[in-house]
Every structure is written in structure tokens, then in C-alpha cells.
Amino acid sequence: MSNPSTLLELIQAAPAGNTAIILPESGLRITYQQLRDQVTAMADALASMGIGKGDRVATYVPNGLPTVVSFLAGAIAGTAAPLNPGYREDEVAFYLEDTNAKVLLLPPDGAEGARKAAEARGVPVYSLEMDDAGVCRIAGAPSGKKAAAPSPDDIALVLHTSGSTGRPKRVPIMHRNMTASTKNIVETYTLSPKDVSLCVMPLFHVHGLVASTLSTLLSGGSVVVPNKFNPLSFWRTVRDTGATWYSAVPTIHNLLLSRAGNDRPAGAEGLRFIRSCSASLPAEMMAQMERVFGVPVLEAYGMTEASHQMSSNPQPPAVRKPSSVGPGTGVKIGIMNDAGDLLPTGERGEVVIQGPNVVSGYENNPEANAKSFTNGWFRTGDQGFLDSDGYLTLTGRIKELINRGGEKIGPREIDEVLLSHPAVAEAVCFGVPHPAWGEEVEAAIVLKEEFKDTTKDTDIMAYCKERLAEFKRPKKLHITTAIPRTATGKIQRGAVAKAFGA
């Protein structure tokens, strides 16, 4: 394995003729040389638009080769800022403004809400095109300039992480953070040019970008990039592409299990292992997956601020422990109390981390940085403990995030949308247990007196549909006359969830 410190160096390591990307719907295979040529050409096109170091290149595209090429080109010419293509117009407008995006790249058709959001802000919009040969380009892009090679300390990627209060926080991830994380993942799973990963996670998150895609490219292997996860064709894709591993959230594993029954799917015999991350994997599900799919299931622990992976259960013959996320993978892990003291083995506290993959701080947010960094350690907001072997077990979230199938949802954002409805006086969003998604979004609301007889929950649900992505929308509204509060008048989401979630 080479030792790159930028994403440009990362994609230059593999032999030119090796297959880098497999597109299962079309059967196209893109070599490393073709990938490098496309990324370089697109980075030069962005530079010709005036994109330079730190300038944000927003993308709003579904998974596919254009997503991979535009991400790498954006990270090399400036800073990639991928957006969830499920976002509504108002959400796109917020992220374009918050990142100060200089350009927005869209599919040739559709995405009308994103186009309107960009137009309103004066952000130039360009279409990403791919021809029948699998060549991606920015339609109508200028030419004439070359993109300068990035340095390790340049910001490659900016993402948002939702807090339990306030606005989402911007996470600037440097090239050296991302390459450190990819190296850790390659070493953890001994990835090689013989490996083929199947990417079923979205490429606007670090799970799909770093674990499934960049780590595979660093190893010289091939990454299969379907347009979307499809449980009906999943195992056929595994078989036809020769996939040796895939990484996903438990929601996806559960869907595959429910379809398989007790029979090992054809194609599973080619897998080396299955990785699970971004949400807690029940021990019973892990055991059932290993029994039905016939390969080791390795649960890992990641987050945006760590450029994804922090720990993972190891491959056999090393021990993998159900309900644990394993030992640190090139990352130091500690358990800390509120005073900033590291706690001994077995004691519960906040999980803290150190490592070259960990970001230096949030962008333009000194308050969050002061709370999140203590004595050189990053506070994850998760509670857990370390056993005598150094394996980490997570016991809960300190922050009040809702984890729906790996999507971390800040409840405050949903509160604010509900409260913007003219009929809503009070609103509190919370997570409730869900058999497939892990958690689902619900909310309790109090209506204003003059609207109590005329407003239905369906009216407010329709209002949310226009303003929130599907995964963020409350699936149930509890209309009540009062929301539980503490003696000091504070709303506690846990108490609200207990009162209404059942």
C-alpha cells in the first residue's frame, strides 16, 4: 500500500489498467487511468470556472460514476461539498449559503428545487453528463486553466453534522485526515487489489465515500457503484461483479436477511466479510447474518469528525465481540468524565478519540470547539466503556440525536420547521424505537387556540413534506394540550418520548 497524503496521490497509486469502478446497471468498467483522466479534466474545468483552494463545490447527484468523479475533482480543485439529493429547496438553500458554495453540480434533468435554491443565491449551476462509454464531464464548462495539486492541509471535504441544539455544524476534513482514515481501513480489513467492494451507502456521507470507495481505491481494488441499493438485485450484483465485501447500516442488513430467510443467497460464497457501521448492530442480527450469509460480520464505529472509522471488530482468527465496536483502528480511544479525566477500564463515560484522521475543529464555531475538544481529545458525544482487551462498547448517545438507519437527525431542525407552521404553538421532536430503521421520527405539538378545531395532523405532515427530506419527517404527530417540562421549565426530549412515544 502506498502512503498518500492527498486524494490526488491516493488515486495515482494503482496500476493504470486495473479496474477502479464497476457500474452494474450498464456493465461498464472504468480503469484507474480512465478515472484519473476524468478527475483531472473535471478538476481543470472547475479551476477554469475560478474554483481555487477552499472554494466549495456543491454537488446534488445520486450515486454513480459522476458522483465519484465530481467529488474527487471538487476535492482536488477546491473543497467538495456533497449534498443529499433528497433535500428540499429550503434545505439546499441553507447548505449552499452555509458553505458559501461557488458552484452547484446537478444531474442533466430534474432537481428543480435545487436549481431554484441556487438561482436565488446567484450560485452558478452546471450539469454533470456521462456518455455511453462512461466518460463524465461538466456540460458547458470553460477551459484554459489547470487545477493546482492540493496539499495535505487543504480542506478536501466539508460536511455538516447535526447537533441536538442550534444549527448543524460544519466539519472541514483535510486531505491528510481522509488519507489517514483510508489507510486505517485498508489495514483493518487487509484490503488488496483482489478485493471488490459493493458500495450501497450514499456518497454524500463518509461511510460510502471513505469506507466503501476511497479505501478500495487506495488498495488498488475495484468498487461497484450501483445507482441505489436494491434488495431484489443485491445478491445478483454481488455474484456478477465478484464482490468480496460490502459495508452498510443494520437497516440494509436486516432487509437482506428478511429476504434470504434461512438460505444462503447465491453470490454470498464470494464474500470475505461483511462490515456494519453508522448504527448499532444487535448481537442477534450479527449471529443470524453469520449463520445465513456464511461470512464474518465486523461491526465498526465511525463519525464524520473522524473522517469515518475509529474502531472495528477485527477479522478472524482475532476475536470479534457481538455488541462491541472493537478496538481502535489507528485511533486512540479513551473514556472521559465531565471534568476531563480519563477513566479506567470498565468505567462508563464519554468516548474520546485522538488520531491523524480526527479533524482539528469545526468551522467558524469556537463554542462547539471549546465543548468538543479537551486536553487534545475529541469528545464524540457517545457514552461507552472499554474492556480489558481494549474493545469499545457503546451504551448510548449523550447528544439527543435521532439515528434513523444511520442518518443522524438533529431534532432541533425539525422543531423549527414545525414551529414555523402558523397553527403550531409548541413542538418537540424525538426518536422512538423502530424494528427496521433503529429509530423513527415522531413529534408532539401543541396547537394555537384559534386553530385547535380546524387543523389536522395531516395538514402539518403535508407542510413538513414540502420542507424536509423524507428521512427527517415526523411519521407520527401527537397533538396534545401540554408538553412535559421539568420544574425549571425545560423540555427534556427523553421525557417527551417516554410520554408520547409509546
Protein backbone atom coordinates (compact mmCIF):
# COMPACT_ATOMS: atom_id res chain seq x y z
CA MET A 1 0.00 0.00 0.00
CA SER A 2 1.29 3.46 -0.88
CA ASN A 3 1.39 6.27 1.66
CA PRO A 4 -0.55 9.18 0.10
CA SER A 5 -1.29 12.40 1.94
CA THR A 6 -3.79 13.84 -0.57
CA LEU A 7 -6.68 12.38 -2.56
CA LEU A 8 -4.85 13.17 -5.80
CA GLU A 9 -1.97 10.96 -4.66
CA LEU A 10 -4.44 8.32 -3.46
CA ILE A 11 -5.93 7.71 -6.91
CA GLN A 12 -2.50 7.69 -8.57
CA ALA A 13 -1.22 4.62 -6.70
CA ALA A 14 -2.89 1.73 -8.56
CA PRO A 15 -1.74 0.29 -11.93
CA ALA A 16 -3.33 2.14 -14.84
CA GLY A 17 -5.08 -0.90 -16.32
CA ASN A 18 -6.71 -2.16 -13.12
CA THR A 19 -10.49 -1.76 -12.85
CA ALA A 20 -11.33 1.08 -10.46
CA ILE A 21 -15.13 1.43 -10.83
CA ILE A 22 -17.78 -1.08 -11.91
CA LEU A 23 -21.22 0.23 -12.91
CA PRO A 24 -23.55 -2.78 -12.61
CA GLU A 25 -26.56 -1.31 -14.44
CA SER A 26 -24.60 -0.69 -17.65
CA GLY A 27 -21.82 -3.24 -17.19
CA LEU A 28 -19.22 -0.51 -17.71
CA ARG A 29 -15.80 -0.92 -16.11
CA ILE A 30 -13.65 2.16 -15.61
CA THR A 31 -9.89 1.68 -15.28
CA TYR A 32 -7.71 3.64 -12.88
CA GLN A 33 -6.21 5.54 -15.80
CA GLN A 34 -9.65 6.47 -17.12
CA LEU A 35 -10.69 7.56 -13.62
CA ARG A 36 -7.54 9.68 -13.22
CA ASP A 37 -8.04 11.28 -16.63
CA GLN A 38 -11.68 12.16 -15.89
CA VAL A 39 -10.93 13.53 -12.42
CA THR A 40 -8.03 15.64 -13.72
CA ALA A 41 -10.10 17.00 -16.61
CA MET A 42 -13.00 17.90 -14.31
CA ALA A 43 -10.68 19.49 -11.75
CA ASP A 44 -9.20 21.60 -14.56
CA ALA A 45 -12.73 22.58 -15.68
CA LEU A 46 -13.52 23.70 -12.12
CA ALA A 47 -10.27 25.67 -11.97
CA SER A 48 -11.24 27.33 -15.27
CA MET A 49 -14.51 28.42 -13.59
CA GLY A 50 -12.44 30.16 -10.94
CA ILE A 51 -12.55 27.44 -8.29
CA GLY A 52 -9.43 27.54 -6.10
CA LYS A 53 -8.23 26.27 -2.74
CA GLY A 54 -11.05 26.19 -0.18
CA ASP A 55 -13.79 27.16 -2.65
CA ARG A 56 -16.80 24.90 -2.10
CA VAL A 57 -18.05 22.76 -4.97
CA ALA A 58 -21.56 21.63 -4.06
CA THR A 59 -22.98 18.51 -5.72
CA TYR A 60 -26.57 17.25 -5.67
CA VAL A 61 -26.42 13.92 -7.50
CA PRO A 62 -27.41 10.30 -6.82
CA ASN A 63 -24.80 7.56 -6.56
CA GLY A 64 -22.91 6.75 -9.74
CA LEU A 65 -19.66 7.43 -11.58
CA PRO A 66 -20.41 11.19 -11.92
CA THR A 67 -20.70 11.36 -8.11
CA VAL A 68 -17.27 9.78 -7.58
CA VAL A 69 -15.55 11.85 -10.30
CA SER A 70 -17.12 15.15 -9.20
CA PHE A 71 -16.28 14.51 -5.55
CA LEU A 72 -12.61 13.83 -6.31
CA ALA A 73 -12.40 16.73 -8.79
CA GLY A 74 -14.05 19.11 -6.31
CA ALA A 75 -11.71 18.00 -3.52
CA ILE A 76 -8.65 18.50 -5.72
CA ALA A 77 -9.56 21.85 -7.32
CA GLY A 78 -11.23 23.26 -4.20
CA THR A 79 -13.34 21.64 -1.49
CA ALA A 80 -16.07 19.08 -2.18
CA ALA A 81 -19.44 19.81 -0.54
CA PRO A 82 -21.78 16.93 -1.47
CA LEU A 83 -25.46 17.36 -0.60
CA ASN A 84 -28.13 14.75 -0.04
CA PRO A 85 -30.14 14.64 -3.31
CA GLY A 86 -33.23 14.07 -1.15
CA TYR A 87 -33.02 17.61 0.26
CA ARG A 88 -35.84 20.02 -0.45
CA GLU A 89 -35.37 23.53 -1.84
CA ASP A 90 -35.17 25.23 1.58
CA GLU A 91 -32.60 22.70 2.80
CA VAL A 92 -30.43 23.12 -0.30
CA ALA A 93 -30.64 26.89 0.13
CA PHE A 94 -29.39 26.61 3.73
CA TYR A 95 -26.41 24.41 2.83
CA LEU A 96 -25.43 26.49 -0.19
CA GLU A 97 -25.42 29.58 1.99
CA ASP A 98 -23.74 27.95 4.97
CA THR A 99 -20.88 26.54 2.91
CA ASN A 100 -20.66 29.65 0.68
CA ALA A 101 -20.76 27.32 -2.33
CA LYS A 102 -19.23 28.78 -5.50
CA VAL A 103 -20.90 26.34 -7.90
CA LEU A 104 -23.58 23.63 -7.84
CA LEU A 105 -23.27 20.49 -9.98
CA LEU A 106 -26.55 18.71 -10.82
CA PRO A 107 -27.83 15.86 -13.00
CA PRO A 108 -28.86 16.95 -16.51
CA ASP A 109 -32.55 16.57 -15.66
CA GLY A 110 -34.75 17.17 -12.62
CA ALA A 111 -33.58 18.63 -9.30
CA GLU A 112 -35.80 21.67 -9.84
CA GLY A 113 -35.83 22.64 -6.16
CA ALA A 114 -32.02 22.65 -6.03
CA ARG A 115 -31.88 24.73 -9.22
CA LYS A 116 -34.25 27.30 -7.72
CA ALA A 117 -32.24 27.44 -4.48
CA ALA A 118 -29.02 28.07 -6.39
CA GLU A 119 -30.63 30.64 -8.68
CA ALA A 120 -31.99 32.57 -5.69
CA ARG A 121 -28.48 32.76 -4.21
CA GLY A 122 -26.75 33.51 -7.50
CA VAL A 123 -24.79 30.24 -7.42
CA PRO A 124 -23.82 29.08 -10.93
CA VAL A 125 -25.35 25.70 -11.89
CA TYR A 126 -23.73 23.17 -14.22
CA SER A 127 -24.88 19.73 -15.33
CA LEU A 128 -22.85 16.55 -14.91
CA GLU A 129 -23.06 14.37 -18.01
CA MET A 130 -21.90 10.81 -18.69
CA ASP A 131 -21.75 9.32 -22.20
CA ASP A 132 -22.25 5.69 -23.22
CA ALA A 133 -18.54 5.00 -22.82
CA GLY A 134 -18.63 6.07 -19.17
CA VAL A 135 -16.89 9.42 -19.61
CA CYS A 136 -18.11 12.11 -17.18
CA ARG A 137 -17.80 15.83 -17.79
CA ILE A 138 -19.32 19.14 -16.77
CA ALA A 139 -21.52 20.30 -19.65
CA GLY A 140 -20.59 23.74 -20.95
CA ALA A 141 -17.64 24.15 -18.59
CA PRO A 142 -14.93 26.62 -19.58
CA SER A 143 -11.32 25.53 -20.17
CA GLY A 144 -7.86 27.04 -20.14
CA LYS A 145 -6.67 26.59 -16.54
CA LYS A 146 -5.03 23.69 -14.71
CA ALA A 147 -6.01 22.83 -11.15
CA ALA A 148 -3.12 23.14 -8.71
CA ALA A 149 -2.23 19.98 -6.81
CA PRO A 150 -3.68 20.04 -3.27
CA SER A 151 -1.55 19.94 -0.13
CA PRO A 152 -2.19 17.64 2.88
CA ASP A 153 -3.55 20.54 4.94
CA ASP A 154 -6.04 21.71 2.29
CA ILE A 155 -9.69 21.01 3.09
CA ALA A 156 -10.84 18.20 0.81
CA LEU A 157 -14.40 17.83 2.06
CA VAL A 158 -16.89 19.81 4.10
CA LEU A 159 -19.90 18.08 5.62
CA HIS A 160 -22.47 19.01 8.25
CA THR A 161 -23.16 17.17 11.43
CA SER A 162 -26.41 17.86 13.24
CA GLY A 163 -26.26 18.94 16.85
CA SER A 164 -29.05 18.41 19.35
CA THR A 165 -29.35 22.18 19.63
CA GLY A 166 -28.69 25.01 17.21
CA ARG A 167 -27.61 24.94 13.60
CA PRO A 168 -25.80 21.99 12.01
CA LYS A 169 -22.02 22.24 12.49
CA ARG A 170 -19.63 22.43 9.52
CA VAL A 171 -16.92 19.79 9.58
CA PRO A 172 -13.87 20.63 7.43
CA ILE A 173 -11.96 17.42 6.63
CA MET A 174 -8.40 17.85 5.35
CA HIS A 175 -6.75 15.65 2.73
CA ARG A 176 -4.43 14.22 5.39
CA ASN A 177 -7.40 13.34 7.62
CA MET A 178 -9.07 11.40 4.82
CA THR A 179 -5.95 9.58 3.68
CA ALA A 180 -5.18 8.59 7.29
CA SER A 181 -8.68 7.16 7.66
CA THR A 182 -8.49 5.24 4.37
CA LYS A 183 -5.12 3.74 5.37
CA ASN A 184 -6.61 2.62 8.70
CA ILE A 185 -9.50 0.91 6.89
CA VAL A 186 -7.24 -0.80 4.35
CA GLU A 187 -5.08 -2.16 7.18
CA THR A 188 -8.03 -3.21 9.35
CA TYR A 189 -9.54 -5.40 6.61
CA THR A 190 -6.28 -6.24 4.73
CA LEU A 191 -7.78 -4.85 1.52
CA SER A 192 -5.82 -5.66 -1.64
CA PRO A 193 -6.10 -5.26 -5.44
CA LYS A 194 -8.03 -8.55 -5.42
CA ASP A 195 -10.86 -7.05 -3.38
CA VAL A 196 -14.11 -5.76 -4.85
CA SER A 197 -16.32 -3.64 -2.58
CA LEU A 198 -20.01 -3.08 -3.23
CA CYS A 199 -21.00 0.49 -2.30
CA VAL A 200 -24.62 0.59 -1.16
CA MET A 201 -24.29 3.63 1.11
CA PRO A 202 -24.89 7.17 -0.19
CA LEU A 203 -21.85 9.04 -1.45
CA PHE A 204 -22.73 12.26 0.40
CA HIS A 205 -21.63 10.67 3.70
CA VAL A 206 -18.23 9.47 4.91
CA HIS A 207 -19.46 5.86 5.23
CA GLY A 208 -19.91 5.40 1.49
CA LEU A 209 -17.18 7.82 0.46
CA VAL A 210 -14.36 6.73 2.75
CA ALA A 211 -15.08 3.12 3.75
CA SER A 212 -16.53 1.71 0.53
CA THR A 213 -14.93 3.92 -2.12
CA LEU A 214 -11.69 5.71 -1.16
CA SER A 215 -10.32 2.78 0.85
CA THR A 216 -10.91 0.48 -2.12
CA LEU A 217 -9.19 2.92 -4.47
CA LEU A 218 -6.20 3.15 -2.12
CA SER A 219 -5.94 -0.66 -2.06
CA GLY A 220 -5.98 -0.86 -5.87
CA GLY A 221 -9.20 -2.88 -5.82
CA SER A 222 -12.50 -2.27 -7.58
CA VAL A 223 -15.59 -0.54 -6.20
CA VAL A 224 -19.04 -1.42 -7.52
CA VAL A 225 -21.29 1.67 -7.60
CA PRO A 226 -24.97 0.93 -8.29
CA ASN A 227 -27.35 3.87 -8.70
CA LYS A 228 -29.10 2.85 -5.48
CA PHE A 229 -29.46 -0.03 -3.08
CA ASN A 230 -31.89 -2.64 -4.43
CA PRO A 231 -32.55 -5.69 -2.22
CA LEU A 232 -34.06 -7.53 -5.21
CA SER A 233 -30.88 -7.39 -7.31
CA PHE A 234 -28.31 -7.17 -4.49
CA TRP A 235 -27.03 -10.74 -4.49
CA ARG A 236 -27.05 -10.97 -8.27
CA THR A 237 -24.83 -7.87 -8.30
CA VAL A 238 -22.54 -9.46 -5.69
CA ARG A 239 -22.25 -12.60 -7.83
CA ASP A 240 -21.85 -10.89 -11.21
CA THR A 241 -19.22 -8.38 -10.04
CA GLY A 242 -17.27 -10.76 -7.80
CA ALA A 243 -17.75 -8.53 -4.75
CA THR A 244 -15.65 -9.67 -1.78
CA TRP A 245 -17.19 -7.36 0.85
CA TYR A 246 -19.75 -4.68 1.45
CA SER A 247 -20.39 -2.15 4.22
CA ALA A 248 -23.84 -0.96 5.28
CA VAL A 249 -26.10 0.09 8.13
CA PRO A 250 -28.11 -2.54 10.05
CA THR A 251 -31.28 -1.43 8.25
CA ILE A 252 -29.87 -2.73 4.97
CA HIS A 253 -28.52 -5.91 6.56
CA ASN A 254 -31.98 -6.54 8.01
CA LEU A 255 -33.68 -6.11 4.64
CA LEU A 256 -31.30 -8.62 3.08
CA LEU A 257 -31.81 -11.06 5.95
CA SER A 258 -35.59 -10.88 5.73
CA ARG A 259 -35.47 -11.73 2.01
CA ALA A 260 -32.96 -14.56 2.43
CA GLY A 261 -34.87 -16.49 5.09
CA ASN A 262 -32.62 -19.37 6.17
CA ASP A 263 -30.98 -19.97 2.78
CA ARG A 264 -27.56 -18.66 1.88
CA PRO A 265 -28.01 -16.38 -1.15
CA ALA A 266 -26.17 -17.30 -4.34
CA GLY A 267 -23.18 -14.99 -4.56
CA ALA A 268 -22.53 -14.82 -0.81
CA GLU A 269 -19.89 -17.54 -1.15
CA GLY A 270 -17.57 -14.98 -2.79
CA LEU A 271 -17.57 -12.61 0.20
CA ARG A 272 -14.65 -12.40 2.63
CA PHE A 273 -16.55 -10.39 5.25
CA ILE A 274 -19.45 -8.01 5.80
CA ARG A 275 -18.95 -4.69 7.58
CA SER A 276 -21.60 -2.90 9.63
CA CYS A 277 -21.34 0.72 10.72
CA SER A 278 -23.23 4.01 11.36
CA ALA A 279 -25.78 2.49 13.76
CA SER A 280 -25.80 -0.17 16.47
CA LEU A 281 -25.87 -3.77 15.22
CA PRO A 282 -27.89 -6.06 17.53
CA ALA A 283 -25.92 -9.16 18.60
CA GLU A 284 -28.80 -11.38 17.49
CA MET A 285 -28.74 -9.86 13.99
CA MET A 286 -24.97 -10.33 13.75
CA ALA A 287 -25.31 -14.01 14.67
CA GLN A 288 -28.13 -14.52 12.17
CA MET A 289 -26.13 -12.78 9.40
CA GLU A 290 -23.12 -15.01 10.00
CA ARG A 291 -25.34 -18.10 10.04
CA VAL A 292 -27.23 -17.25 6.84
CA PHE A 293 -24.59 -15.42 4.80
CA GLY A 294 -21.73 -17.65 5.96
CA VAL A 295 -19.06 -14.96 6.46
CA PRO A 296 -17.71 -12.94 9.41
CA VAL A 297 -19.67 -9.79 10.25
CA LEU A 298 -17.43 -6.99 11.54
CA GLU A 299 -19.08 -4.09 13.35
CA ALA A 300 -17.23 -0.77 13.18
CA TYR A 301 -17.65 2.68 14.71
CA GLY A 302 -17.33 5.87 12.72
CA MET A 303 -18.30 9.52 12.60
CA THR A 304 -17.83 12.50 10.32
CA GLU A 305 -15.38 14.26 12.67
CA ALA A 306 -13.06 11.24 12.50
CA SER A 307 -13.17 11.09 8.68
CA HIS A 308 -15.22 7.96 9.35
CA GLN A 309 -13.62 4.95 11.05
CA MET A 310 -12.47 4.96 14.69
CA SER A 311 -12.72 1.31 15.70
CA SER A 312 -13.72 -2.07 14.31
CA ASN A 313 -14.00 -5.68 15.27
CA PRO A 314 -11.08 -7.50 13.63
CA GLN A 315 -11.09 -10.29 11.09
CA PRO A 316 -10.75 -13.92 12.17
CA PRO A 317 -8.83 -15.53 13.75
CA ALA A 318 -8.86 -12.48 16.07
CA VAL A 319 -11.88 -12.24 18.37
CA ARG A 320 -14.94 -10.29 17.26
CA LYS A 321 -17.31 -9.44 20.08
CA PRO A 322 -21.05 -9.03 19.48
CA SER A 323 -22.43 -5.70 20.77
CA SER A 324 -18.90 -4.24 20.72
CA VAL A 325 -17.46 -1.97 18.04
CA GLY A 326 -13.99 -3.42 18.59
CA PRO A 327 -10.65 -1.80 19.45
CA GLY A 328 -9.31 1.43 17.97
CA THR A 329 -8.06 1.16 14.38
CA GLY A 330 -5.09 3.51 14.17
CA VAL A 331 -7.01 5.73 16.59
CA LYS A 332 -6.50 6.18 20.34
CA ILE A 333 -9.75 5.72 22.26
CA GLY A 334 -10.36 6.79 25.85
CA ILE A 335 -13.28 7.19 28.22
CA MET A 336 -13.58 10.59 29.90
CA ASN A 337 -15.69 12.09 32.67
CA ASP A 338 -17.19 15.58 32.63
CA ALA A 339 -14.11 17.01 34.37
CA GLY A 340 -11.82 15.84 31.56
CA ASP A 341 -10.26 12.92 33.46
CA LEU A 342 -9.66 9.65 31.63
CA LEU A 343 -11.44 6.76 33.32
CA PRO A 344 -10.12 3.24 33.99
CA THR A 345 -11.11 0.07 32.14
CA GLY A 346 -14.75 -0.89 32.61
CA GLU A 347 -16.00 2.53 33.74
CA ARG A 348 -18.63 4.32 31.68
CA GLY A 349 -18.16 7.82 30.40
CA GLU A 350 -17.89 9.82 27.21
CA VAL A 351 -15.94 8.21 24.37
CA VAL A 352 -12.99 10.40 23.33
CA ILE A 353 -10.56 9.92 20.45
CA GLN A 354 -7.17 11.06 19.12
CA GLY A 355 -5.57 10.38 15.76
CA PRO A 356 -4.41 11.80 12.43
CA ASN A 357 -7.85 11.14 10.93
CA VAL A 358 -9.59 13.37 13.51
CA VAL A 359 -10.45 16.90 12.35
CA SER A 360 -8.83 19.89 14.04
CA GLY A 361 -12.13 21.61 14.79
CA TYR A 362 -15.47 22.78 13.48
CA GLU A 363 -15.51 25.68 11.05
CA ASN A 364 -16.28 29.13 12.49
CA ASN A 365 -17.70 27.62 15.66
CA PRO A 366 -15.49 28.39 18.69
CA GLU A 367 -18.26 27.46 21.12
CA ALA A 368 -18.60 23.95 19.68
CA ASN A 369 -14.82 23.56 19.59
CA ALA A 370 -14.49 24.53 23.24
CA LYS A 371 -17.07 21.89 24.19
CA SER A 372 -15.77 19.17 21.88
CA PHE A 373 -12.00 19.25 22.49
CA THR A 374 -10.46 18.57 25.91
CA ASN A 375 -6.72 18.14 26.51
CA GLY A 376 -6.12 17.09 22.92
CA TRP A 377 -9.02 14.63 22.88
CA PHE A 378 -12.17 14.95 20.74
CA ARG A 379 -15.39 14.30 22.65
CA THR A 380 -17.68 12.13 20.50
CA GLY A 381 -20.89 12.75 22.44
CA ASP A 382 -21.32 8.98 22.81
CA GLN A 383 -21.24 7.08 26.07
CA GLY A 384 -19.40 3.78 26.44
CA PHE A 385 -16.70 1.74 28.16
CA LEU A 386 -13.54 -0.16 27.25
CA ASP A 387 -12.99 -3.77 28.34
CA SER A 388 -9.68 -5.34 29.35
CA ASP A 389 -8.89 -6.16 25.70
CA GLY A 390 -9.42 -2.55 24.61
CA TYR A 391 -12.72 -3.32 22.88
CA LEU A 392 -15.22 -0.47 22.99
CA THR A 393 -18.89 -0.94 23.84
CA LEU A 394 -21.25 1.97 23.21
CA THR A 395 -24.06 2.37 25.73
CA GLY A 396 -25.96 5.39 24.47
CA ARG A 397 -25.82 8.83 22.95
CA ILE A 398 -25.19 11.82 25.10
CA LYS A 399 -26.37 14.16 22.40
CA GLU A 400 -30.04 13.96 21.59
CA LEU A 401 -29.68 12.85 18.02
CA ILE A 402 -32.16 10.58 16.28
CA ASN A 403 -30.40 7.77 14.41
CA ARG A 404 -32.66 6.62 11.58
CA GLY A 405 -30.90 3.89 9.59
CA GLY A 406 -27.55 5.63 10.01
CA GLU A 407 -28.90 9.10 9.22
CA LYS A 408 -28.16 11.28 12.24
CA ILE A 409 -31.02 13.76 12.59
CA GLY A 410 -30.85 16.87 14.76
CA PRO A 411 -34.30 17.21 16.38
CA ARG A 412 -33.99 20.98 16.74
CA GLU A 413 -34.14 21.42 12.96
CA ILE A 414 -37.44 19.56 12.81
CA ASP A 415 -38.77 21.52 15.81
CA GLU A 416 -38.13 24.73 13.93
CA VAL A 417 -39.98 23.60 10.81
CA LEU A 418 -42.98 22.55 12.91
CA LEU A 419 -42.91 25.82 14.83
CA SER A 420 -42.91 27.78 11.57
CA HIS A 421 -46.40 26.41 10.82
CA PRO A 422 -48.94 29.15 11.68
CA ALA A 423 -51.09 26.76 13.74
CA VAL A 424 -48.29 25.35 15.96
CA ALA A 425 -47.56 26.91 19.35
CA GLU A 426 -45.11 24.33 20.70
CA ALA A 427 -43.25 21.43 19.12
CA VAL A 428 -40.80 18.79 20.32
CA CYS A 429 -39.35 16.14 18.02
CA PHE A 430 -37.92 12.85 19.33
CA GLY A 431 -36.89 9.37 18.26
CA VAL A 432 -38.81 6.19 19.00
CA PRO A 433 -37.61 2.60 18.52
CA HIS A 434 -38.33 1.13 15.08
CA PRO A 435 -37.75 -2.51 14.03
CA ALA A 436 -36.26 -1.68 10.62
CA TRP A 437 -34.72 1.81 10.96
CA GLY A 438 -33.49 1.57 14.54
CA GLU A 439 -35.25 4.82 15.35
CA GLU A 440 -38.08 6.73 13.69
CA VAL A 441 -39.02 10.38 13.98
CA GLU A 442 -42.13 11.48 15.89
CA ALA A 443 -43.16 14.79 17.39
CA ALA A 444 -45.51 16.23 20.00
CA ILE A 445 -47.19 19.53 19.20
CA VAL A 446 -49.49 21.99 20.89
CA LEU A 447 -51.82 23.91 18.58
CA LYS A 448 -52.63 27.58 18.97
CA GLU A 449 -56.08 28.08 20.46
CA GLU A 450 -57.62 29.56 17.32
CA PHE A 451 -56.53 26.58 15.21
CA LYS A 452 -57.49 23.72 17.51
CA ASP A 453 -60.77 22.93 15.76
CA THR A 454 -59.59 23.45 12.18
CA THR A 455 -56.10 21.93 11.98
CA LYS A 456 -55.42 18.22 11.48
CA ASP A 457 -52.17 16.34 11.87
CA THR A 458 -52.28 15.58 8.12
CA ASP A 459 -52.16 19.33 7.38
CA ILE A 460 -48.93 19.67 9.33
CA MET A 461 -47.48 16.48 7.85
CA ALA A 462 -48.07 17.93 4.36
CA TYR A 463 -46.34 21.13 5.48
CA CYS A 464 -43.30 19.10 6.61
CA LYS A 465 -43.26 17.21 3.32
CA GLU A 466 -42.62 20.47 1.48
CA ARG A 467 -39.77 21.49 3.77
CA LEU A 468 -37.97 18.36 4.99
CA ALA A 469 -36.30 15.39 3.34
CA GLU A 470 -38.28 12.16 3.73
CA PHE A 471 -35.98 10.65 6.38
CA LYS A 472 -36.38 13.73 8.62
CA ARG A 473 -40.16 13.99 8.51
CA PRO A 474 -42.11 13.03 11.63
CA LYS A 475 -44.00 9.82 10.82
CA LYS A 476 -46.44 10.45 13.67
CA LEU A 477 -47.67 13.64 15.31
CA HIS A 478 -49.07 13.69 18.82
CA ILE A 479 -51.41 16.67 19.19
CA THR A 480 -51.61 17.48 22.88
CA THR A 481 -52.62 20.27 25.23
CA ALA A 482 -49.29 20.39 27.09
CA ILE A 483 -45.71 19.21 26.66
CA PRO A 484 -43.95 17.80 29.75
CA ARG A 485 -41.36 20.07 31.35
CA THR A 486 -39.01 19.93 34.30
CA ALA A 487 -39.58 22.02 37.43
CA THR A 488 -37.40 24.73 35.88
CA GLY A 489 -39.49 24.77 32.70
CA LYS A 490 -37.00 22.92 30.48
CA ILE A 491 -38.22 20.43 27.92
CA GLN A 492 -36.46 17.07 28.08
CA ARG A 493 -36.79 15.05 24.90
CA GLY A 494 -36.38 11.81 26.80
CA ALA A 495 -39.38 12.59 28.98
CA VAL A 496 -41.42 13.68 25.95
CA ALA A 497 -40.50 10.49 24.08
CA LYS A 498 -41.48 8.43 27.12
CA ALA A 499 -44.80 10.25 27.44
CA PHE A 500 -45.81 10.09 23.78
CA GLY A 501 -43.54 7.56 22.06
CA ALA A 502 -45.32 4.52 23.44
